[in-house]
Amino acid sequence: MGPRGYVAFQLVMSTCFAVYLHRAYAAFLMGALLSNKVLVERMLRPGKDSVQFKWVPGIMWAVNMGFLVSVRYFDGFHFSAIAPWLAFLDGWGQLQRWQIVYNMVMLRMISYAMDFYWAVRDSSLPSSPLGTAVKDLESDDDNTEVSKPVTPDGGSYKTRAYILYLPLYAAGPIITFNSFVTYVYQPQKSYSIKKIVVYAVRWALCLTLMSLYQHFCWANIIAKGSDSAQNLADMTGPNLVFVSLFSLFFIWLKFVIIWRFFRLWALCDGVETPENMTRCVFNNYSCTQFWRSWHRSYNQWLIRYIYIPLGGTKYKFLNIWVVFTFVAVWHELQLQMLQWAWAVCAMMIPEIIVSLTIQKQDWAIPLRHSPWYKYLCALGAAMNILLLMSANLIGFSYGSNGLHIVMNSIKKGFSSGPSLALFLAFLCAAHVMLYVRQQEALRREPSVESAVPMASMKMAAAE
C-alpha cells in the first residue's frame, strides 16, 4: 500500500470510527474540521498581501479558541437548538461525547494551520512533501521544529486523515502535522518488532500494577468519592499525606496506561509519537522539568505553537502565564483549573529566577563549586516537591477547597516532630533524584567525567 492508499485507508477507518463513537454528533466535529480547513486555505491562498498574511495566526487562534470556549461553556451543542425537527437526533446518544474529544482535535487543527502558514511563509526555502527532523538521535528527544517545511499544497485527504488518525484520535499522544506526513511516506524505523514487543510487555505490566493498586489501595476513592470532603476531614495528618501521595500516583499510572496503549498502537502502524510520561511521578523535584516529562508531547506542542511564537525565553516570565492559562481552559472551563494553572506559574517564577541567578552570576561560581551546593539544591528540591504536590492536588484531585481541608487537617494532626521527619524524607528523596540526574548526564556524555569537574555535573543535575 503506497502513501495515497495508506492515507485513504486511514481516512475511511477514522471517519467510520468517529461516526460510530459520536453517532449524529459527529456532524459537529466534521463541520468544525472542514470549516477550519477552508478558513486556513482561503487565508493562505496565493495573492494575499503581507499585511493580511501577518494576521493569519491571530485569526486562526481566535476562531479556534472561540469555538473551544463555546463547546466548553455549552457542554457541546444540540440539534434541537438548530431546528426543532432535528431534535430526534439528540436521542441517538453517543458512546463518547464529541466535546470531550474536541480538545485533541483542536490541537491538530492548529498544528495543521500553523505548519501550513510557516510552509507558505518560508516557501523560498527548499521544500519537501515530507516533514523532516522528527527526532534528534543523539539526545533521543523529539524535536519541536522541522528543518524543512511541508509543501503548502493543502492536501485535503492528508489533513483529515491526520486530524482523525484513529490510534491517536481520543487521547494522543500529540504529533504535529509535519511529523504525520513524514510517517505517511517513511514509516518509523526506530522501533523494531522486538522493541515493540518489549514495549507491549511493559504496558501490560503497568496494567497489572493498576489492577493490584485498585484492589489493595483505595486512596483515589477516598480522595474523590462522593463523601470525600467528610473522609478527608476525619483523617489524621499522616494518613492524609499518604492519601495525597498515592492519589497523585494513581493519576500518573492512569495516564501512563492510556497514553502508552495508544502510542503502542501507533508504533505498530509505523507512526512514532513522543513518549508522554518519561519519569515516574515520584521522580520529579523541579516545576520546569516536571512539565517536560508529564504529558511531554503536549509540552512540545505548547512550545512549538505558543511559547516560541510569543518570543520564547526572551519573554519567559510573561509567556508562562499565557501558556498555562491556555492549558487550564483547554482542560476544563473551571475556576479550579485556572487556580491550578496560576499556582504553577507562581511556583515556576522563583525557581527560574534562582536557577538563572546561580548559572549566570559571577558571585555564584564559588557556591556552585562548594561541597554544600548539593545540599542547598536538595533543600530547594524538597520544597518544590511539596509545592508540586499542592498544585497538582488542586487541579486534578481535591480542588482548592479540598486542599484547604487537607492542609488544615495536616496542621492539626502533625506535631513538629512528624512534620520534620516528613520534610527530611522529601529531602532524602531529592538527594536520590539529583544523583539520578547526575548519572543520566554522565551517560549522555561518557567523557564528561574526566573533562568536567564533578561540581559542574552537580550543577547540571540541579538545573
Protein backbone atom coordinates (compact mmCIF):
# COMPACT_ATOMS: atom_id res chain seq x y z
CA MET A 1 0.00 0.00 0.00
CA GLY A 2 1.53 3.30 -1.10
CA PRO A 3 1.21 6.65 0.69
CA ARG A 4 -2.03 7.56 -1.08
CA GLY A 5 -3.60 4.21 -0.31
CA TYR A 6 -2.47 4.44 3.30
CA VAL A 7 -3.97 7.93 3.70
CA ALA A 8 -7.25 6.86 2.07
CA PHE A 9 -7.47 3.77 4.29
CA GLN A 10 -6.79 5.79 7.45
CA LEU A 11 -9.30 8.44 6.45
CA VAL A 12 -12.09 5.90 5.83
CA MET A 13 -11.40 3.95 9.02
CA SER A 14 -11.03 7.06 11.16
CA THR A 15 -14.20 8.67 9.80
CA CYS A 16 -16.19 5.48 10.36
CA PHE A 17 -14.87 5.23 13.90
CA ALA A 18 -15.74 8.87 14.66
CA VAL A 19 -19.30 8.33 13.38
CA TYR A 20 -19.60 5.11 15.40
CA LEU A 21 -18.31 6.87 18.52
CA HIS A 22 -20.36 10.07 18.30
CA ARG A 23 -23.33 8.98 16.16
CA ALA A 24 -25.06 12.01 14.63
CA TYR A 25 -23.00 14.38 16.77
CA ALA A 26 -20.01 13.57 14.54
CA ALA A 27 -21.52 16.20 12.22
CA PHE A 28 -20.43 18.95 14.64
CA LEU A 29 -16.90 17.58 14.70
CA MET A 30 -16.71 17.24 10.92
CA GLY A 31 -18.17 20.70 10.48
CA ALA A 32 -15.51 22.23 12.73
CA LEU A 33 -12.77 20.32 10.90
CA LEU A 34 -13.88 21.34 7.42
CA SER A 35 -14.61 24.95 8.42
CA ASN A 36 -11.15 25.30 9.94
CA LYS A 37 -9.51 23.84 6.85
CA VAL A 38 -11.45 26.07 4.43
CA LEU A 39 -10.71 29.16 6.54
CA VAL A 40 -6.97 28.44 6.70
CA GLU A 41 -6.65 27.69 3.00
CA ARG A 42 -8.63 30.78 1.99
CA MET A 43 -6.49 32.99 4.22
CA LEU A 44 -3.31 31.45 2.79
CA ARG A 45 -4.35 31.38 -0.85
CA PRO A 46 -1.85 32.88 -3.34
CA GLY A 47 -2.02 36.64 -3.77
CA LYS A 48 -2.57 37.61 -0.15
CA ASP A 49 -0.74 40.83 0.73
CA SER A 50 1.82 40.82 3.52
CA VAL A 51 -0.35 42.79 5.98
CA GLN A 52 -3.22 40.32 5.72
CA PHE A 53 -0.79 37.42 5.85
CA LYS A 54 0.58 38.54 9.23
CA TRP A 55 -2.89 38.37 10.74
CA VAL A 56 -3.46 34.74 9.78
CA PRO A 57 -2.13 33.14 13.02
CA GLY A 58 -4.10 35.57 15.20
CA ILE A 59 -7.35 35.00 13.31
CA MET A 60 -6.83 31.23 13.34
CA TRP A 61 -6.17 31.21 17.10
CA ALA A 62 -9.16 33.50 17.82
CA VAL A 63 -11.56 31.32 15.83
CA ASN A 64 -10.35 28.05 17.38
CA MET A 65 -10.29 29.41 20.93
CA GLY A 66 -13.73 30.94 20.49
CA PHE A 67 -15.17 27.64 19.32
CA LEU A 68 -13.40 25.72 22.13
CA VAL A 69 -14.78 28.07 24.82
CA SER A 70 -18.26 27.78 23.28
CA VAL A 71 -18.05 23.99 23.31
CA ARG A 72 -16.87 24.03 26.93
CA TYR A 73 -19.46 26.61 28.05
CA PHE A 74 -22.47 24.87 26.46
CA ASP A 75 -21.06 21.37 27.07
CA GLY A 76 -21.39 20.60 23.39
CA PHE A 77 -24.21 21.57 21.02
CA HIS A 78 -27.62 20.03 20.40
CA PHE A 79 -29.55 19.53 17.17
CA SER A 80 -32.76 20.83 18.76
CA ALA A 81 -31.07 24.25 19.11
CA ILE A 82 -30.54 24.32 15.33
CA ALA A 83 -34.03 23.24 14.31
CA PRO A 84 -36.87 21.62 16.29
CA TRP A 85 -37.39 18.96 13.64
CA LEU A 86 -33.80 17.75 14.20
CA ALA A 87 -34.45 17.04 17.90
CA PHE A 88 -34.80 13.30 17.24
CA LEU A 89 -31.03 13.17 16.54
CA ASP A 90 -30.33 14.20 20.14
CA GLY A 91 -31.94 10.96 21.28
CA TRP A 92 -29.44 8.75 19.47
CA GLY A 93 -26.86 9.20 22.19
CA GLN A 94 -23.07 8.82 21.95
CA LEU A 95 -20.57 6.22 23.09
CA GLN A 96 -18.14 9.09 23.73
CA ARG A 97 -19.20 12.73 23.90
CA TRP A 98 -17.69 14.60 20.99
CA GLN A 99 -16.95 17.68 23.13
CA ILE A 100 -14.56 15.59 25.24
CA VAL A 101 -12.56 14.59 22.17
CA TYR A 102 -12.69 18.03 20.59
CA ASN A 103 -9.79 19.40 22.65
CA MET A 104 -7.45 16.89 20.97
CA VAL A 105 -8.97 17.66 17.55
CA MET A 106 -8.40 21.37 18.12
CA LEU A 107 -4.68 20.84 18.80
CA ARG A 108 -4.33 19.03 15.48
CA MET A 109 -6.26 21.70 13.60
CA ILE A 110 -3.93 24.38 14.98
CA SER A 111 -0.91 22.23 14.15
CA TYR A 112 -2.07 21.88 10.55
CA ALA A 113 -2.86 25.60 10.25
CA MET A 114 0.44 26.78 11.72
CA ASP A 115 2.57 24.28 9.78
CA PHE A 116 0.76 25.30 6.60
CA TYR A 117 1.28 29.01 7.46
CA TRP A 118 5.00 28.52 8.08
CA ALA A 119 5.33 26.49 4.87
CA VAL A 120 3.81 29.32 2.84
CA ARG A 121 5.88 31.94 4.67
CA ASP A 122 9.10 30.01 4.12
CA SER A 123 8.23 28.87 0.60
CA SER A 124 11.52 30.33 -0.65
CA LEU A 125 13.32 27.54 1.24
CA PRO A 126 13.83 24.12 -0.39
CA SER A 127 10.58 22.32 0.26
CA SER A 128 9.64 18.67 0.51
CA PRO A 129 6.40 16.70 0.53
CA LEU A 130 7.73 15.25 3.80
CA GLY A 131 8.17 16.85 7.16
CA THR A 132 11.72 16.29 8.42
CA ALA A 133 13.86 16.11 11.53
CA VAL A 134 11.26 14.33 13.61
CA LYS A 135 13.85 13.09 16.07
CA ASP A 136 17.25 14.10 17.32
CA LEU A 137 19.02 10.77 17.52
CA GLU A 138 21.84 11.96 19.73
CA SER A 139 19.70 13.37 22.53
CA ASP A 140 16.83 10.92 21.97
CA ASP A 141 14.49 13.88 22.33
CA ASP A 142 11.66 14.63 19.95
CA ASN A 143 12.17 17.96 18.24
CA THR A 144 9.55 20.68 18.31
CA GLU A 145 10.62 22.03 14.94
CA VAL A 146 11.27 20.70 11.46
CA SER A 147 14.16 21.73 9.29
CA LYS A 148 12.15 21.93 6.07
CA PRO A 149 8.53 22.95 5.59
CA VAL A 150 5.87 20.68 4.22
CA THR A 151 4.88 21.60 0.67
CA PRO A 152 1.94 24.02 1.00
CA ASP A 153 -0.42 22.04 -1.22
CA GLY A 154 -3.27 21.78 1.27
CA GLY A 155 -3.59 18.03 0.99
CA SER A 156 -7.27 17.61 1.90
CA TYR A 157 -7.09 13.86 2.47
CA LYS A 158 -3.85 14.08 4.42
CA THR A 159 -5.25 16.83 6.63
CA ARG A 160 -8.41 14.93 7.55
CA ALA A 161 -6.51 11.67 7.97
CA TYR A 162 -4.12 13.45 10.36
CA ILE A 163 -6.81 15.12 12.47
CA LEU A 164 -8.91 11.96 12.75
CA TYR A 165 -5.97 9.50 12.88
CA LEU A 166 -7.50 6.53 14.69
CA PRO A 167 -4.74 5.39 17.10
CA LEU A 168 -4.23 8.93 18.48
CA TYR A 169 -7.74 10.31 17.99
CA ALA A 170 -9.19 10.12 21.50
CA ALA A 171 -6.26 10.83 23.80
CA GLY A 172 -2.98 11.31 21.94
CA PRO A 173 -0.01 11.43 22.31
CA ILE A 174 0.06 14.56 20.19
CA ILE A 175 2.00 14.63 16.94
CA THR A 176 2.48 17.58 14.58
CA PHE A 177 1.08 17.66 11.06
CA ASN A 178 4.60 17.74 9.59
CA SER A 179 5.62 14.64 11.54
CA PHE A 180 2.49 12.73 10.50
CA VAL A 181 3.14 13.48 6.83
CA THR A 182 6.71 12.25 7.31
CA TYR A 183 5.49 8.88 8.54
CA VAL A 184 2.99 8.61 5.69
CA TYR A 185 5.96 8.46 3.31
CA GLN A 186 8.54 6.90 5.63
CA PRO A 187 7.20 4.64 8.42
CA GLN A 188 9.20 4.77 11.65
CA LYS A 189 12.28 2.59 11.92
CA SER A 190 13.37 3.44 15.48
CA TYR A 191 11.35 0.58 16.95
CA SER A 192 11.99 -2.92 15.64
CA ILE A 193 9.43 -5.69 16.15
CA LYS A 194 11.42 -6.85 19.19
CA LYS A 195 11.34 -3.38 20.76
CA ILE A 196 7.61 -3.09 20.11
CA VAL A 197 7.00 -6.45 21.80
CA VAL A 198 9.07 -5.35 24.81
CA TYR A 199 7.11 -2.09 24.92
CA ALA A 200 3.84 -4.06 24.86
CA VAL A 201 5.03 -6.25 27.75
CA ARG A 202 5.94 -3.15 29.78
CA TRP A 203 2.48 -1.73 29.11
CA ALA A 204 0.88 -5.00 30.26
CA LEU A 205 2.92 -4.84 33.48
CA CYS A 206 1.66 -1.29 34.10
CA LEU A 207 -1.91 -2.51 33.58
CA THR A 208 -1.31 -5.33 36.08
CA LEU A 209 0.11 -2.85 38.56
CA MET A 210 -3.02 -0.68 38.21
CA SER A 211 -5.22 -3.71 38.90
CA LEU A 212 -3.27 -4.55 42.05
CA TYR A 213 -3.22 -0.91 43.11
CA GLN A 214 -7.00 -0.52 42.86
CA HIS A 215 -7.52 -3.79 44.70
CA PHE A 216 -5.29 -3.00 47.67
CA CYS A 217 -5.04 0.82 47.79
CA TRP A 218 -8.21 2.94 47.92
CA ALA A 219 -6.55 6.35 48.11
CA ASN A 220 -8.20 7.69 44.96
CA ILE A 221 -11.68 6.60 46.06
CA ILE A 222 -11.15 8.28 49.43
CA ALA A 223 -9.92 11.47 47.76
CA LYS A 224 -12.55 11.76 45.01
CA GLY A 225 -15.57 9.80 46.25
CA SER A 226 -19.00 11.35 46.83
CA ASP A 227 -18.26 11.81 50.54
CA SER A 228 -14.59 12.71 50.07
CA ALA A 229 -14.80 16.02 51.99
CA GLN A 230 -16.01 14.25 55.14
CA ASN A 231 -13.47 11.44 54.69
CA LEU A 232 -10.59 13.90 54.40
CA ALA A 233 -11.77 15.99 57.36
CA ASP A 234 -11.90 12.90 59.61
CA MET A 235 -8.44 11.59 58.75
CA THR A 236 -5.25 12.12 60.70
CA GLY A 237 -2.33 14.14 59.33
CA PRO A 238 -0.05 11.18 58.41
CA ASN A 239 -2.91 9.36 56.68
CA LEU A 240 -3.78 12.46 54.67
CA VAL A 241 -0.19 12.76 53.45
CA PHE A 242 -0.21 9.18 52.21
CA VAL A 243 -3.65 9.54 50.61
CA SER A 244 -2.39 12.63 48.78
CA LEU A 245 0.78 10.90 47.58
CA PHE A 246 -0.99 7.81 46.33
CA SER A 247 -3.77 9.84 44.70
CA LEU A 248 -1.10 11.52 42.57
CA PHE A 249 0.43 8.11 41.84
CA PHE A 250 -2.99 6.85 40.66
CA ILE A 251 -3.37 9.84 38.31
CA TRP A 252 0.11 9.26 36.90
CA LEU A 253 -0.36 5.49 36.39
CA LYS A 254 -3.77 6.00 34.79
CA PHE A 255 -2.33 8.34 32.17
CA VAL A 256 0.69 6.07 31.62
CA ILE A 257 -1.61 3.18 30.71
CA ILE A 258 -3.83 5.26 28.43
CA TRP A 259 -1.08 7.07 26.55
CA ARG A 260 1.25 4.07 26.19
CA PHE A 261 -1.57 1.95 24.77
CA PHE A 262 -2.31 4.46 22.02
CA ARG A 263 1.40 5.06 21.41
CA LEU A 264 1.88 1.29 21.06
CA TRP A 265 -0.96 1.16 18.54
CA ALA A 266 0.60 4.00 16.53
CA LEU A 267 4.04 2.33 16.60
CA CYS A 268 2.53 -0.84 15.15
CA ASP A 269 1.13 1.36 12.36
CA GLY A 270 4.53 2.92 11.64
CA VAL A 271 3.97 6.26 13.41
CA GLU A 272 6.31 7.18 16.27
CA THR A 273 4.98 9.72 18.74
CA PRO A 274 6.72 11.26 21.76
CA GLU A 275 6.57 9.26 24.98
CA ASN A 276 4.26 11.26 27.24
CA MET A 277 5.43 10.06 30.64
CA THR A 278 9.23 9.80 30.72
CA ARG A 279 9.61 9.80 34.51
CA CYS A 280 7.77 8.34 37.47
CA VAL A 281 5.69 10.92 39.29
CA PHE A 282 7.85 10.29 42.38
CA ASN A 283 10.99 11.21 40.44
CA ASN A 284 10.28 14.92 39.97
CA TYR A 285 11.53 17.85 42.02
CA SER A 286 11.58 20.77 39.56
CA CYS A 287 8.48 22.63 38.37
CA THR A 288 10.01 23.37 34.96
CA GLN A 289 11.36 19.85 34.44
CA PHE A 290 8.12 18.26 35.64
CA TRP A 291 6.20 19.54 32.62
CA ARG A 292 8.86 18.22 30.24
CA SER A 293 8.20 14.67 31.45
CA TRP A 294 4.45 14.87 32.20
CA HIS A 295 2.35 14.87 29.00
CA ARG A 296 5.55 15.54 27.10
CA SER A 297 4.01 15.63 23.65
CA TYR A 298 1.61 18.35 24.81
CA ASN A 299 4.54 20.27 26.30
CA GLN A 300 6.32 20.15 22.95
CA TRP A 301 3.13 21.27 21.17
CA LEU A 302 2.85 24.24 23.55
CA ILE A 303 6.49 25.19 22.95
CA ARG A 304 6.17 24.97 19.17
CA TYR A 305 2.83 26.72 18.69
CA ILE A 306 2.56 29.15 21.65
CA TYR A 307 5.79 29.67 23.59
CA ILE A 308 8.20 30.20 20.66
CA PRO A 309 5.81 32.35 18.55
CA LEU A 310 5.29 34.61 21.60
CA GLY A 311 9.03 35.23 21.87
CA GLY A 312 10.31 32.18 23.75
CA THR A 313 12.78 32.77 26.56
CA LYS A 314 13.01 36.50 25.77
CA TYR A 315 9.61 36.98 27.43
CA LYS A 316 9.67 33.85 29.57
CA PHE A 317 8.10 35.40 32.68
CA LEU A 318 5.09 36.61 30.69
CA ASN A 319 4.79 33.66 28.33
CA ILE A 320 4.35 31.05 31.05
CA TRP A 321 1.17 32.80 32.22
CA VAL A 322 -0.27 32.72 28.70
CA VAL A 323 0.74 29.08 28.19
CA PHE A 324 -0.67 27.76 31.45
CA THR A 325 -3.86 29.79 31.18
CA PHE A 326 -4.40 28.17 27.79
CA VAL A 327 -3.67 24.76 29.32
CA ALA A 328 -6.29 25.36 32.01
CA VAL A 329 -9.01 26.48 29.56
CA TRP A 330 -8.08 23.61 27.22
CA HIS A 331 -8.62 21.08 30.03
CA GLU A 332 -11.81 22.46 31.58
CA LEU A 333 -13.60 25.82 31.72
CA GLN A 334 -13.49 25.81 35.53
CA LEU A 335 -12.07 28.09 38.20
CA GLN A 336 -10.33 25.06 39.73
CA MET A 337 -8.18 24.61 36.63
CA LEU A 338 -7.32 28.32 36.46
CA GLN A 339 -6.28 28.20 40.12
CA TRP A 340 -4.05 25.23 39.30
CA ALA A 341 -2.50 27.00 36.28
CA TRP A 342 -1.75 30.22 38.13
CA ALA A 343 -0.39 28.33 41.15
CA VAL A 344 2.04 26.52 38.84
CA CYS A 345 3.16 29.83 37.28
CA ALA A 346 3.66 31.38 40.71
CA MET A 347 5.86 28.42 41.70
CA MET A 348 7.88 28.44 38.49
CA ILE A 349 8.93 32.10 38.62
CA PRO A 350 11.07 31.87 41.81
CA GLU A 351 12.65 28.64 40.54
CA ILE A 352 13.54 30.24 37.20
CA ILE A 353 14.97 33.36 38.92
CA VAL A 354 17.12 31.32 41.32
CA SER A 355 18.30 29.00 38.54
CA LEU A 356 19.26 31.85 36.20
CA THR A 357 20.97 33.77 39.00
CA ILE A 358 23.13 30.84 40.09
CA GLN A 359 24.03 29.94 36.50
CA LYS A 360 24.94 33.43 35.22
CA GLN A 361 26.19 35.50 38.15
CA ASP A 362 29.94 35.52 38.80
CA TRP A 363 29.47 35.71 42.55
CA ALA A 364 27.71 32.31 42.44
CA ILE A 365 30.75 30.48 40.97
CA PRO A 366 32.26 29.67 44.41
CA LEU A 367 28.83 28.50 45.56
CA ARG A 368 28.48 26.12 42.61
CA HIS A 369 31.82 24.51 43.48
CA SER A 370 31.13 24.39 47.20
CA PRO A 371 30.61 20.98 48.87
CA TRP A 372 27.41 22.47 50.35
CA TYR A 373 25.92 23.23 46.94
CA LYS A 374 24.26 19.83 46.54
CA TYR A 375 22.61 20.20 49.96
CA LEU A 376 21.20 23.58 49.02
CA CYS A 377 19.88 22.09 45.76
CA ALA A 378 18.27 19.22 47.67
CA LEU A 379 16.69 21.68 50.13
CA GLY A 380 15.14 23.68 47.30
CA ALA A 381 14.05 20.46 45.58
CA ALA A 382 12.29 19.21 48.73
CA MET A 383 10.34 22.46 48.98
CA ASN A 384 9.47 22.20 45.28
CA ILE A 385 8.12 18.69 45.82
CA LEU A 386 5.67 19.98 48.43
CA LEU A 387 4.58 22.82 46.12
CA LEU A 388 4.17 20.47 43.13
CA MET A 389 2.02 18.15 45.22
CA SER A 390 -0.19 21.03 46.31
CA ALA A 391 -0.64 22.44 42.79
CA ASN A 392 -1.49 19.10 41.21
CA LEU A 393 -3.89 18.18 44.01
CA ILE A 394 -5.71 21.47 43.32
CA GLY A 395 -6.02 20.76 39.60
CA PHE A 396 -6.59 17.05 39.39
CA SER A 397 -7.78 15.73 42.74
CA TYR A 398 -9.11 17.71 45.70
CA GLY A 399 -9.61 21.14 44.22
CA SER A 400 -8.76 24.31 46.17
CA ASN A 401 -11.47 23.72 48.81
CA GLY A 402 -10.45 20.11 49.32
CA LEU A 403 -6.80 21.08 49.58
CA HIS A 404 -7.72 23.67 52.24
CA ILE A 405 -9.42 20.92 54.28
CA VAL A 406 -6.39 18.66 53.85
CA MET A 407 -3.88 21.33 54.88
CA ASN A 408 -5.88 22.24 57.99
CA SER A 409 -6.17 18.60 59.00
CA ILE A 410 -2.45 18.05 58.45
CA LYS A 411 -1.61 21.07 60.61
CA LYS A 412 -3.83 19.76 63.41
CA GLY A 413 -2.66 16.17 63.13
CA PHE A 414 1.08 16.80 62.90
CA SER A 415 3.35 17.90 65.69
CA SER A 416 6.72 19.44 64.90
CA GLY A 417 8.49 16.06 65.14
CA PRO A 418 6.49 14.17 62.45
CA SER A 419 6.44 17.27 60.22
CA LEU A 420 10.22 17.49 60.37
CA ALA A 421 10.51 13.75 59.67
CA LEU A 422 8.27 14.12 56.59
CA PHE A 423 10.34 17.01 55.25
CA LEU A 424 13.56 15.04 55.85
CA ALA A 425 12.05 12.16 53.86
CA PHE A 426 11.43 14.54 50.94
CA LEU A 427 14.97 15.88 51.38
CA CYS A 428 16.43 12.36 51.12
CA ALA A 429 14.27 11.67 48.07
CA ALA A 430 15.57 14.88 46.48
CA HIS A 431 19.17 13.72 47.01
CA VAL A 432 18.36 10.46 45.22
CA MET A 433 16.72 12.34 42.32
CA LEU A 434 19.71 14.67 41.96
CA TYR A 435 22.02 11.66 41.90
CA VAL A 436 19.87 10.04 39.19
CA ARG A 437 20.09 13.22 37.08
CA GLN A 438 23.87 13.29 37.59
CA GLN A 439 24.20 9.71 36.38
CA GLU A 440 21.98 10.46 33.38
CA ALA A 441 24.25 13.38 32.48
CA LEU A 442 27.30 11.13 32.71
CA ARG A 443 25.69 8.51 30.46
CA ARG A 444 24.84 11.14 27.85
CA GLU A 445 28.48 12.31 27.76
CA PRO A 446 30.79 9.37 28.56
CA SER A 447 33.92 11.55 28.52
CA VAL A 448 32.46 14.24 30.75
CA GLU A 449 33.69 12.59 33.96
CA SER A 450 37.31 13.24 33.12
CA ALA A 451 36.76 16.55 31.34
CA VAL A 452 34.39 18.36 33.69
CA PRO A 453 34.68 18.78 37.46
CA MET A 454 32.07 16.91 39.47
CA ALA A 455 30.73 20.21 40.81
CA SER A 456 29.70 21.10 37.27
CA MET A 457 27.84 17.82 36.99
CA LYS A 458 26.00 18.59 40.20
CA MET A 459 25.04 21.94 38.75
CA ALA A 460 23.72 20.31 35.58
CA ALA A 461 21.67 17.87 37.63
CA ALA A 462 20.23 20.65 39.74
CA GLU A 463 19.16 22.85 36.83
